[in-house]
C-alpha atoms as a PDB file:
ATOM      1  CA  UNK A   1       0.000   0.000   0.000  1.00  0.00           C
ATOM      2  CA  UNK A   2       1.213   3.529  -0.846  1.00  0.00           C
ATOM      3  CA  UNK A   3       2.488   5.260   2.259  1.00  0.00           C
ATOM      4  CA  UNK A   4       0.376   8.307   1.450  1.00  0.00           C
ATOM      5  CA  UNK A   5      -2.773   6.200   1.765  1.00  0.00           C
ATOM      6  CA  UNK A   6      -1.911   5.391   5.388  1.00  0.00           C
ATOM      7  CA  UNK A   7      -2.458   8.960   6.591  1.00  0.00           C
ATOM      8  CA  UNK A   8      -5.828   9.277   8.296  1.00  0.00           C
ATOM      9  CA  UNK A   9      -6.433   5.551   8.544  1.00  0.00           C
ATOM     10  CA  UNK A  10      -7.712   4.243  11.854  1.00  0.00           C
ATOM     11  CA  UNK A  11      -6.470   1.091  13.550  1.00  0.00           C
ATOM     12  CA  UNK A  12      -8.349   0.358  16.712  1.00  0.00           C
ATOM     13  CA  UNK A  13      -7.950   3.419  18.918  1.00  0.00           C
ATOM     14  CA  UNK A  14      -5.107   4.808  16.771  1.00  0.00           C
ATOM     15  CA  UNK A  15      -5.318   7.196  13.848  1.00  0.00           C
ATOM     16  CA  UNK A  16      -2.248   7.526  11.596  1.00  0.00           C
ATOM     17  CA  UNK A  17      -1.032  11.138  11.574  1.00  0.00           C
ATOM     18  CA  UNK A  18       2.255  10.974   9.670  1.00  0.00           C
ATOM     19  CA  UNK A  19       5.174   8.803   8.693  1.00  0.00           C
ATOM     20  CA  UNK A  20       8.213   8.924  10.956  1.00  0.00           C
ATOM     21  CA  UNK A  21      11.823   8.924   9.865  1.00  0.00           C
ATOM     22  CA  UNK A  22      12.697   6.758  12.836  1.00  0.00           C
ATOM     23  CA  UNK A  23      12.973   3.021  12.434  1.00  0.00           C
ATOM     24  CA  UNK A  24      12.479   0.384  15.102  1.00  0.00           C
ATOM     25  CA  UNK A  25      14.259  -2.939  14.540  1.00  0.00           C
ATOM     26  CA  UNK A  26      14.662  -1.935  10.915  1.00  0.00           C
ATOM     27  CA  UNK A  27      10.923  -1.415  10.419  1.00  0.00           C
ATOM     28  CA  UNK A  28       9.386   1.875   9.337  1.00  0.00           C
ATOM     29  CA  UNK A  29       7.188   3.612  11.871  1.00  0.00           C
ATOM     30  CA  UNK A  30       4.130   5.824  11.984  1.00  0.00           C
ATOM     31  CA  UNK A  31       3.142   8.638  14.284  1.00  0.00           C
ATOM     32  CA  UNK A  32      -0.357   7.847  15.556  1.00  0.00           C
ATOM     33  CA  UNK A  33      -2.812   9.714  17.712  1.00  0.00           C
ATOM     34  CA  UNK A  34      -4.820   7.672  20.183  1.00  0.00           C
ATOM     35  CA  UNK A  35      -8.480   8.371  20.923  1.00  0.00           C
ATOM     36  CA  UNK A  36      -7.441   9.317  24.456  1.00  0.00           C
ATOM     37  CA  UNK A  37      -5.273  12.153  23.038  1.00  0.00           C
ATOM     38  CA  UNK A  38      -1.827  10.608  23.426  1.00  0.00           C
ATOM     39  CA  UNK A  39       0.560  10.053  20.514  1.00  0.00           C
ATOM     40  CA  UNK A  40       2.513   6.892  19.908  1.00  0.00           C
ATOM     41  CA  UNK A  41       5.152   5.678  17.468  1.00  0.00           C
ATOM     42  CA  UNK A  42       4.123   2.322  15.994  1.00  0.00           C
ATOM     43  CA  UNK A  43       5.864   0.039  13.472  1.00  0.00           C
ATOM     44  CA  UNK A  44       3.986  -0.888  10.334  1.00  0.00           C
ATOM     45  CA  UNK A  45       3.952  -4.564  11.330  1.00  0.00           C
ATOM     46  CA  UNK A  46       2.405  -3.883  14.740  1.00  0.00           C
ATOM     47  CA  UNK A  47      -0.148  -1.301  13.676  1.00  0.00           C
ATOM     48  CA  UNK A  48      -3.667  -2.710  13.994  1.00  0.00           C
ATOM     49  CA  UNK A  49      -2.328  -6.080  15.095  1.00  0.00           C
ATOM     50  CA  UNK A  50      -0.397  -6.230  18.350  1.00  0.00           C
ATOM     51  CA  UNK A  51      -0.861  -2.499  18.903  1.00  0.00           C
ATOM     52  CA  UNK A  52      -4.282  -0.834  18.740  1.00  0.00           C
ATOM     53  CA  UNK A  53      -3.840   1.938  21.304  1.00  0.00           C
ATOM     54  CA  UNK A  54      -1.228   3.928  23.178  1.00  0.00           C
ATOM     55  CA  UNK A  55      -1.690   1.485  26.038  1.00  0.00           C
ATOM     56  CA  UNK A  56      -4.910   2.948  27.380  1.00  0.00           C
ATOM     57  CA  UNK A  57      -6.982   0.066  25.991  1.00  0.00           C
ATOM     58  CA  UNK A  58      -5.068  -2.462  28.054  1.00  0.00           C
ATOM     59  CA  UNK A  59      -5.442  -0.330  31.162  1.00  0.00           C
ATOM     60  CA  UNK A  60      -9.141   0.221  30.466  1.00  0.00           C
ATOM     61  CA  UNK A  61      -9.694  -3.502  29.954  1.00  0.00           C
ATOM     62  CA  UNK A  62      -7.789  -4.347  33.128  1.00  0.00           C
ATOM     63  CA  UNK A  63      -9.902  -1.820  35.017  1.00  0.00           C
ATOM     64  CA  UNK A  64     -13.126  -3.359  33.712  1.00  0.00           C
ATOM     65  CA  UNK A  65     -11.921  -6.816  34.590  1.00  0.00           C
ATOM     66  CA  UNK A  66     -11.107  -5.628  38.084  1.00  0.00           C
ATOM     67  CA  UNK A  67     -14.612  -4.192  38.333  1.00  0.00           C
ATOM     68  CA  UNK A  68     -16.269  -7.379  37.137  1.00  0.00           C
ATOM     69  CA  UNK A  69     -13.784  -9.659  38.726  1.00  0.00           C
ATOM     70  CA  UNK A  70     -13.194  -7.377  41.689  1.00  0.00           C
ATOM     71  CA  UNK A  71     -14.212 -10.093  44.086  1.00  0.00           C
ATOM     72  CA  UNK A  72     -11.787 -12.588  42.558  1.00  0.00           C
ATOM     73  CA  UNK A  73     -10.155 -13.385  45.875  1.00  0.00           C
ATOM     74  CA  UNK A  74     -13.384 -13.076  47.818  1.00  0.00           C
ATOM     75  CA  UNK A  75     -15.936 -15.705  48.717  1.00  0.00           C
ATOM     76  CA  UNK A  76     -18.631 -14.455  46.320  1.00  0.00           C
ATOM     77  CA  UNK A  77     -16.380 -15.295  43.366  1.00  0.00           C
ATOM     78  CA  UNK A  78     -15.862 -18.815  44.715  1.00  0.00           C
ATOM     79  CA  UNK A  79     -19.638 -19.195  45.084  1.00  0.00           C
ATOM     80  CA  UNK A  80     -20.059 -18.367  41.402  1.00  0.00           C
ATOM     81  CA  UNK A  81     -17.124 -20.530  40.298  1.00  0.00           C
ATOM     82  CA  UNK A  82     -18.273 -23.562  42.306  1.00  0.00           C
ATOM     83  CA  UNK A  83     -21.817 -23.174  40.976  1.00  0.00           C
ATOM     84  CA  UNK A  84     -20.470 -23.365  37.415  1.00  0.00           C
ATOM     85  CA  UNK A  85     -18.161 -26.292  38.189  1.00  0.00           C
ATOM     86  CA  UNK A  86     -20.874 -28.373  39.862  1.00  0.00           C
ATOM     87  CA  UNK A  87     -23.022 -28.092  36.754  1.00  0.00           C
ATOM     88  CA  UNK A  88     -20.474 -28.356  33.934  1.00  0.00           C
ATOM     89  CA  UNK A  89     -17.215 -29.905  35.157  1.00  0.00           C
ATOM     90  CA  UNK A  90     -17.591 -33.682  34.887  1.00  0.00           C
ATOM     91  CA  UNK A  91     -14.543 -34.125  37.109  1.00  0.00           C
ATOM     92  CA  UNK A  92     -16.075 -32.131  39.956  1.00  0.00           C
ATOM     93  CA  UNK A  93     -16.911 -34.236  43.009  1.00  0.00           C
ATOM     94  CA  UNK A  94     -20.520 -32.995  43.023  1.00  0.00           C
ATOM     95  CA  UNK A  95     -21.172 -33.116  39.271  1.00  0.00           C
ATOM     96  CA  UNK A  96     -23.269 -36.281  39.562  1.00  0.00           C
ATOM     97  CA  UNK A  97     -25.722 -34.511  41.898  1.00  0.00           C
ATOM     98  CA  UNK A  98     -25.947 -31.371  39.757  1.00  0.00           C
ATOM     99  CA  UNK A  99     -24.884 -31.403  36.111  1.00  0.00           C
ATOM    100  CA  UNK A 100     -25.360 -35.171  36.056  1.00  0.00           C
ATOM    101  CA  UNK A 101     -29.013 -34.651  36.962  1.00  0.00           C
ATOM    102  CA  UNK A 102     -29.510 -31.969  34.344  1.00  0.00           C
ATOM    103  CA  UNK A 103     -29.131 -28.980  36.685  1.00  0.00           C
ATOM    104  CA  UNK A 104     -27.732 -25.982  34.792  1.00  0.00           C
ATOM    105  CA  UNK A 105     -26.894 -22.302  35.285  1.00  0.00           C
ATOM    106  CA  UNK A 106     -28.872 -19.684  33.366  1.00  0.00           C
ATOM    107  CA  UNK A 107     -26.978 -18.085  30.464  1.00  0.00           C
ATOM    108  CA  UNK A 108     -27.081 -14.668  32.134  1.00  0.00           C
ATOM    109  CA  UNK A 109     -25.032 -15.905  35.094  1.00  0.00           C
ATOM    110  CA  UNK A 110     -22.912 -18.452  33.293  1.00  0.00           C
ATOM    111  CA  UNK A 111     -21.666 -15.986  30.690  1.00  0.00           C
ATOM    112  CA  UNK A 112     -21.406 -12.890  32.888  1.00  0.00           C
ATOM    113  CA  UNK A 113     -20.146 -13.269  36.425  1.00  0.00           C
ATOM    114  CA  UNK A 114     -20.739  -9.567  37.022  1.00  0.00           C
ATOM    115  CA  UNK A 115     -24.436 -10.119  36.437  1.00  0.00           C
ATOM    116  CA  UNK A 116     -24.397 -12.791  39.149  1.00  0.00           C
ATOM    117  CA  UNK A 117     -22.466 -10.524  41.530  1.00  0.00           C
ATOM    118  CA  UNK A 118     -25.004  -7.709  41.105  1.00  0.00           C
ATOM    119  CA  UNK A 119     -27.954 -10.072  41.656  1.00  0.00           C
ATOM    120  CA  UNK A 120     -26.280 -11.617  44.704  1.00  0.00           C
ATOM    121  CA  UNK A 121     -25.571  -8.297  46.421  1.00  0.00           C
ATOM    122  CA  UNK A 122     -29.065  -7.003  45.633  1.00  0.00           C
ATOM    123  CA  UNK A 123     -30.609 -10.160  47.082  1.00  0.00           C
ATOM    124  CA  UNK A 124     -28.892 -10.194  50.441  1.00  0.00           C
ATOM    125  CA  UNK A 125     -25.576 -11.924  49.814  1.00  0.00           C
ATOM    126  CA  UNK A 126     -23.408 -12.249  52.907  1.00  0.00           C
ATOM    127  CA  UNK A 127     -20.260 -14.278  53.566  1.00  0.00           C
ATOM    128  CA  UNK A 128     -22.080 -16.329  56.200  1.00  0.00           C
ATOM    129  CA  UNK A 129     -24.865 -17.361  53.796  1.00  0.00           C
ATOM    130  CA  UNK A 130     -24.905 -19.909  51.001  1.00  0.00           C
ATOM    131  CA  UNK A 131     -26.719 -19.979  47.659  1.00  0.00           C
ATOM    132  CA  UNK A 132     -29.756 -22.248  47.635  1.00  0.00           C
ATOM    133  CA  UNK A 133     -32.159 -23.425  44.948  1.00  0.00           C
ATOM    134  CA  UNK A 134     -35.765 -23.111  46.149  1.00  0.00           C
ATOM    135  CA  UNK A 135     -36.763 -26.035  43.943  1.00  0.00           C
ATOM    136  CA  UNK A 136     -33.990 -28.591  44.486  1.00  0.00           C
ATOM    137  CA  UNK A 137     -34.705 -30.028  41.041  1.00  0.00           C
ATOM    138  CA  UNK A 138     -34.621 -26.628  39.341  1.00  0.00           C
ATOM    139  CA  UNK A 139     -31.768 -24.683  37.780  1.00  0.00           C
ATOM    140  CA  UNK A 140     -29.572 -21.888  39.069  1.00  0.00           C
ATOM    141  CA  UNK A 141     -31.460 -18.793  37.959  1.00  0.00           C
ATOM    142  CA  UNK A 142     -32.748 -15.600  39.635  1.00  0.00           C
ATOM    143  CA  UNK A 143     -36.304 -16.879  40.115  1.00  0.00           C
ATOM    144  CA  UNK A 144     -35.146 -20.117  41.792  1.00  0.00           C
ATOM    145  CA  UNK A 145     -32.266 -18.952  43.982  1.00  0.00           C
ATOM    146  CA  UNK A 146     -31.847 -17.264  47.325  1.00  0.00           C
ATOM    147  CA  UNK A 147     -29.243 -16.879  50.048  1.00  0.00           C
ATOM    148  CA  UNK A 148     -29.861 -18.749  53.298  1.00  0.00           C
ATOM    149  CA  UNK A 149     -27.884 -20.103  56.235  1.00  0.00           C
ATOM    150  CA  UNK A 150     -26.096 -23.430  55.941  1.00  0.00           C
ATOM    151  CA  UNK A 151     -28.504 -24.948  58.445  1.00  0.00           C
ATOM    152  CA  UNK A 152     -31.512 -23.896  56.346  1.00  0.00           C
ATOM    153  CA  UNK A 153     -29.854 -25.307  53.235  1.00  0.00           C
ATOM    154  CA  UNK A 154     -29.298 -28.667  54.923  1.00  0.00           C
ATOM    155  CA  UNK A 155     -33.042 -28.821  55.500  1.00  0.00           C
ATOM    156  CA  UNK A 156     -33.730 -28.178  51.803  1.00  0.00           C
ATOM    157  CA  UNK A 157     -31.651 -31.060  50.439  1.00  0.00           C
ATOM    158  CA  UNK A 158     -33.515 -33.477  48.204  1.00  0.00           C
ATOM    159  CA  UNK A 159     -32.090 -36.487  50.085  1.00  0.00           C
ATOM    160  CA  UNK A 160     -33.255 -35.304  53.503  1.00  0.00           C
ATOM    161  CA  UNK A 161     -34.786 -37.960  55.735  1.00  0.00           C
ATOM    162  CA  UNK A 162     -37.917 -36.626  57.443  1.00  0.00           C
ATOM    163  CA  UNK A 163     -38.887 -38.188  60.773  1.00  0.00           C
ATOM    164  CA  UNK A 164     -42.164 -37.670  62.641  1.00  0.00           C
ATOM    165  CA  UNK A 165     -42.044 -37.787  66.434  1.00  0.00           C
ATOM    166  CA  UNK A 166     -44.334 -36.351  69.099  1.00  0.00           C
ATOM    167  CA  UNK A 167     -46.528 -34.776  66.433  1.00  0.00           C
ATOM    168  CA  UNK A 168     -43.645 -32.953  64.739  1.00  0.00           C
ATOM    169  CA  UNK A 169     -41.938 -33.733  61.439  1.00  0.00           C
ATOM    170  CA  UNK A 170     -38.334 -32.644  61.077  1.00  0.00           C
ATOM    171  CA  UNK A 171     -35.161 -33.538  59.224  1.00  0.00           C
ATOM    172  CA  UNK A 172     -32.479 -35.512  61.023  1.00  0.00           C
ATOM    173  CA  UNK A 173     -30.379 -32.347  61.228  1.00  0.00           C
ATOM    174  CA  UNK A 174     -33.247 -30.534  62.966  1.00  0.00           C
ATOM    175  CA  UNK A 175     -33.825 -33.409  65.393  1.00  0.00           C
ATOM    176  CA  UNK A 176     -30.111 -33.338  66.185  1.00  0.00           C
ATOM    177  CA  UNK A 177     -30.402 -29.748  67.383  1.00  0.00           C
ATOM    178  CA  UNK A 178     -33.746 -30.288  69.119  1.00  0.00           C
ATOM    179  CA  UNK A 179     -32.844 -33.461  71.033  1.00  0.00           C
ATOM    180  CA  UNK A 180     -29.110 -32.907  71.418  1.00  0.00           C
ATOM    181  CA  UNK A 181     -28.606 -36.293  69.769  1.00  0.00           C
ATOM    182  CA  UNK A 182     -25.971 -36.540  67.046  1.00  0.00           C
ATOM    183  CA  UNK A 183     -27.219 -37.034  63.482  1.00  0.00           C
ATOM    184  CA  UNK A 184     -24.615 -39.783  63.059  1.00  0.00           C
ATOM    185  CA  UNK A 185     -26.192 -41.691  65.951  1.00  0.00           C
ATOM    186  CA  UNK A 186     -29.681 -41.381  64.466  1.00  0.00           C
ATOM    187  CA  UNK A 187     -28.486 -42.476  61.027  1.00  0.00           C
ATOM    188  CA  UNK A 188     -26.551 -45.393  62.507  1.00  0.00           C
ATOM    189  CA  UNK A 189     -29.623 -46.583  64.364  1.00  0.00           C
ATOM    190  CA  UNK A 190     -31.771 -46.388  61.240  1.00  0.00           C
ATOM    191  CA  UNK A 191     -29.200 -48.397  59.269  1.00  0.00           C
ATOM    192  CA  UNK A 192     -29.283 -51.093  61.945  1.00  0.00           C
ATOM    193  CA  UNK A 193     -33.038 -51.444  61.580  1.00  0.00           C
ATOM    194  CA  UNK A 194     -34.354 -49.257  64.394  1.00  0.00           C
ATOM    195  CA  UNK A 195     -37.730 -47.680  63.724  1.00  0.00           C
ATOM    196  CA  UNK A 196     -37.784 -43.907  63.384  1.00  0.00           C
ATOM    197  CA  UNK A 197     -39.515 -43.257  66.693  1.00  0.00           C
ATOM    198  CA  UNK A 198     -36.953 -45.263  68.671  1.00  0.00           C
ATOM    199  CA  UNK A 199     -34.053 -43.812  66.695  1.00  0.00           C
ATOM    200  CA  UNK A 200     -34.782 -40.280  67.878  1.00  0.00           C
ATOM    201  CA  UNK A 201     -36.391 -40.953  71.261  1.00  0.00           C
ATOM    202  CA  UNK A 202     -33.900 -43.368  72.827  1.00  0.00           C
ATOM    203  CA  UNK A 203     -31.184 -41.600  74.830  1.00  0.00           C
ATOM    204  CA  UNK A 204     -27.594 -42.623  74.358  1.00  0.00           C
ATOM    205  CA  UNK A 205     -26.424 -45.535  76.517  1.00  0.00           C
ATOM    206  CA  UNK A 206     -24.369 -44.586  79.501  1.00  0.00           C
ATOM    207  CA  UNK A 207     -20.838 -45.866  79.725  1.00  0.00           C
ATOM    208  CA  UNK A 208     -21.733 -48.535  82.286  1.00  0.00           C
ATOM    209  CA  UNK A 209     -24.562 -49.760  80.078  1.00  0.00           C
ATOM    210  CA  UNK A 210     -22.229 -50.286  77.149  1.00  0.00           C
ATOM    211  CA  UNK A 211     -20.093 -52.692  79.199  1.00  0.00           C
ATOM    212  CA  UNK A 212     -22.742 -55.331  79.215  1.00  0.00           C
ATOM    213  CA  UNK A 213     -23.498 -57.381  76.158  1.00  0.00           C
ATOM    214  CA  UNK A 214     -26.924 -58.578  75.121  1.00  0.00           C
ATOM    215  CA  UNK A 215     -25.924 -62.012  76.386  1.00  0.00           C
ATOM    216  CA  UNK A 216     -25.336 -60.729  79.928  1.00  0.00           C
ATOM    217  CA  UNK A 217     -28.582 -58.780  79.893  1.00  0.00           C
ATOM    218  CA  UNK A 218     -30.483 -61.954  78.986  1.00  0.00           C
ATOM    219  CA  UNK A 219     -28.520 -63.984  81.509  1.00  0.00           C
ATOM    220  CA  UNK A 220     -29.311 -61.757  84.455  1.00  0.00           C
ATOM    221  CA  UNK A 221     -32.705 -60.576  83.232  1.00  0.00           C
ATOM    222  CA  UNK A 222     -34.447 -63.649  81.751  1.00  0.00           C
ATOM    223  CA  UNK A 223     -37.715 -61.738  81.698  1.00  0.00           C
ATOM    224  CA  UNK A 224     -36.183 -59.586  78.934  1.00  0.00           C
ATOM    225  CA  UNK A 225     -35.077 -62.535  76.787  1.00  0.00           C
ATOM    226  CA  UNK A 226     -37.760 -62.033  74.174  1.00  0.00           C
ATOM    227  CA  UNK A 227     -37.524 -58.280  73.990  1.00  0.00           C
ATOM    228  CA  UNK A 228     -35.541 -56.090  71.664  1.00  0.00           C
ATOM    229  CA  UNK A 229     -32.286 -54.453  72.693  1.00  0.00           C
ATOM    230  CA  UNK A 230     -34.065 -51.141  72.960  1.00  0.00           C
ATOM    231  CA  UNK A 231     -36.804 -52.494  75.240  1.00  0.00           C
ATOM    232  CA  UNK A 232     -34.218 -54.299  77.342  1.00  0.00           C
ATOM    233  CA  UNK A 233     -32.140 -51.169  77.819  1.00  0.00           C
ATOM    234  CA  UNK A 234     -35.232 -49.155  78.686  1.00  0.00           C
ATOM    235  CA  UNK A 235     -36.221 -51.704  81.315  1.00  0.00           C
ATOM    236  CA  UNK A 236     -32.748 -51.672  82.773  1.00  0.00           C
ATOM    237  CA  UNK A 237     -32.798 -47.893  82.934  1.00  0.00           C
ATOM    238  CA  UNK A 238     -35.758 -48.151  85.260  1.00  0.00           C
ATOM    239  CA  UNK A 239     -33.488 -49.758  87.812  1.00  0.00           C
ATOM    240  CA  UNK A 240     -30.979 -47.710  89.649  1.00  0.00           C
ATOM    241  CA  UNK A 241     -27.350 -47.958  88.644  1.00  0.00           C
ATOM    242  CA  UNK A 242     -26.470 -49.500  92.007  1.00  0.00           C
ATOM    243  CA  UNK A 243     -29.099 -52.240  91.809  1.00  0.00           C
ATOM    244  CA  UNK A 244     -28.017 -53.134  88.297  1.00  0.00           C
ATOM    245  CA  UNK A 245     -24.344 -53.087  89.158  1.00  0.00           C
ATOM    246  CA  UNK A 246     -25.047 -55.397  92.098  1.00  0.00           C
ATOM    247  CA  UNK A 247     -26.859 -57.912  89.895  1.00  0.00           C
ATOM    248  CA  UNK A 248     -24.329 -57.854  87.080  1.00  0.00           C
ATOM    249  CA  UNK A 249     -20.724 -57.794  88.231  1.00  0.00           C
ATOM    250  CA  UNK A 250     -17.807 -57.786  85.864  1.00  0.00           C
END
């Protein structure tokens, strides 16, 4: 192309003003004015390719990224990142329960993290809250998401086991807090065949009770031979520790 035709041409943010007599690495150069008002000397090979501004574009882009990505090292960014990974990363430990079940993230949030950040802050985001889907079988989208405490989220899991006792129906996690009985103990009892009522209503065995096997209970309490372990332990609890200790010596 004739050098004279370069004058006035625009490459990105740069407009060619004149040809320079200076050469850089043997290449001819052009004096260009940037849209921001600065001037810059650019080689013909870089013009419009590796160089499209005086440097302001890179700074502007970095500033925008910092605005969008400003929470990069903060928890809200990790919330967004983990939400995406659960739904689309097949190697993620929770993919089977999310993406594997067809759960997805709306395009607005998936393609623009800043959009998610704005929605989150507007809808009560806090570092001590977690994102929750109102419909556990629905997608991550504004109409189906909210921020709640971790305890509330545990109660909204699709695999929650609901137990009715004393006219109340609660999750195992809720019964744990109500009865001061560990969820692991309740789950263990259910796995061993205990009914739900007994699993939550039976207090933990005391240390001295654990010392005695079912065989010893039957040996010293023949009247309990046909009863379940639970009924046997309840009957024994009706006796005082001293009376029981006197009957069953180690």
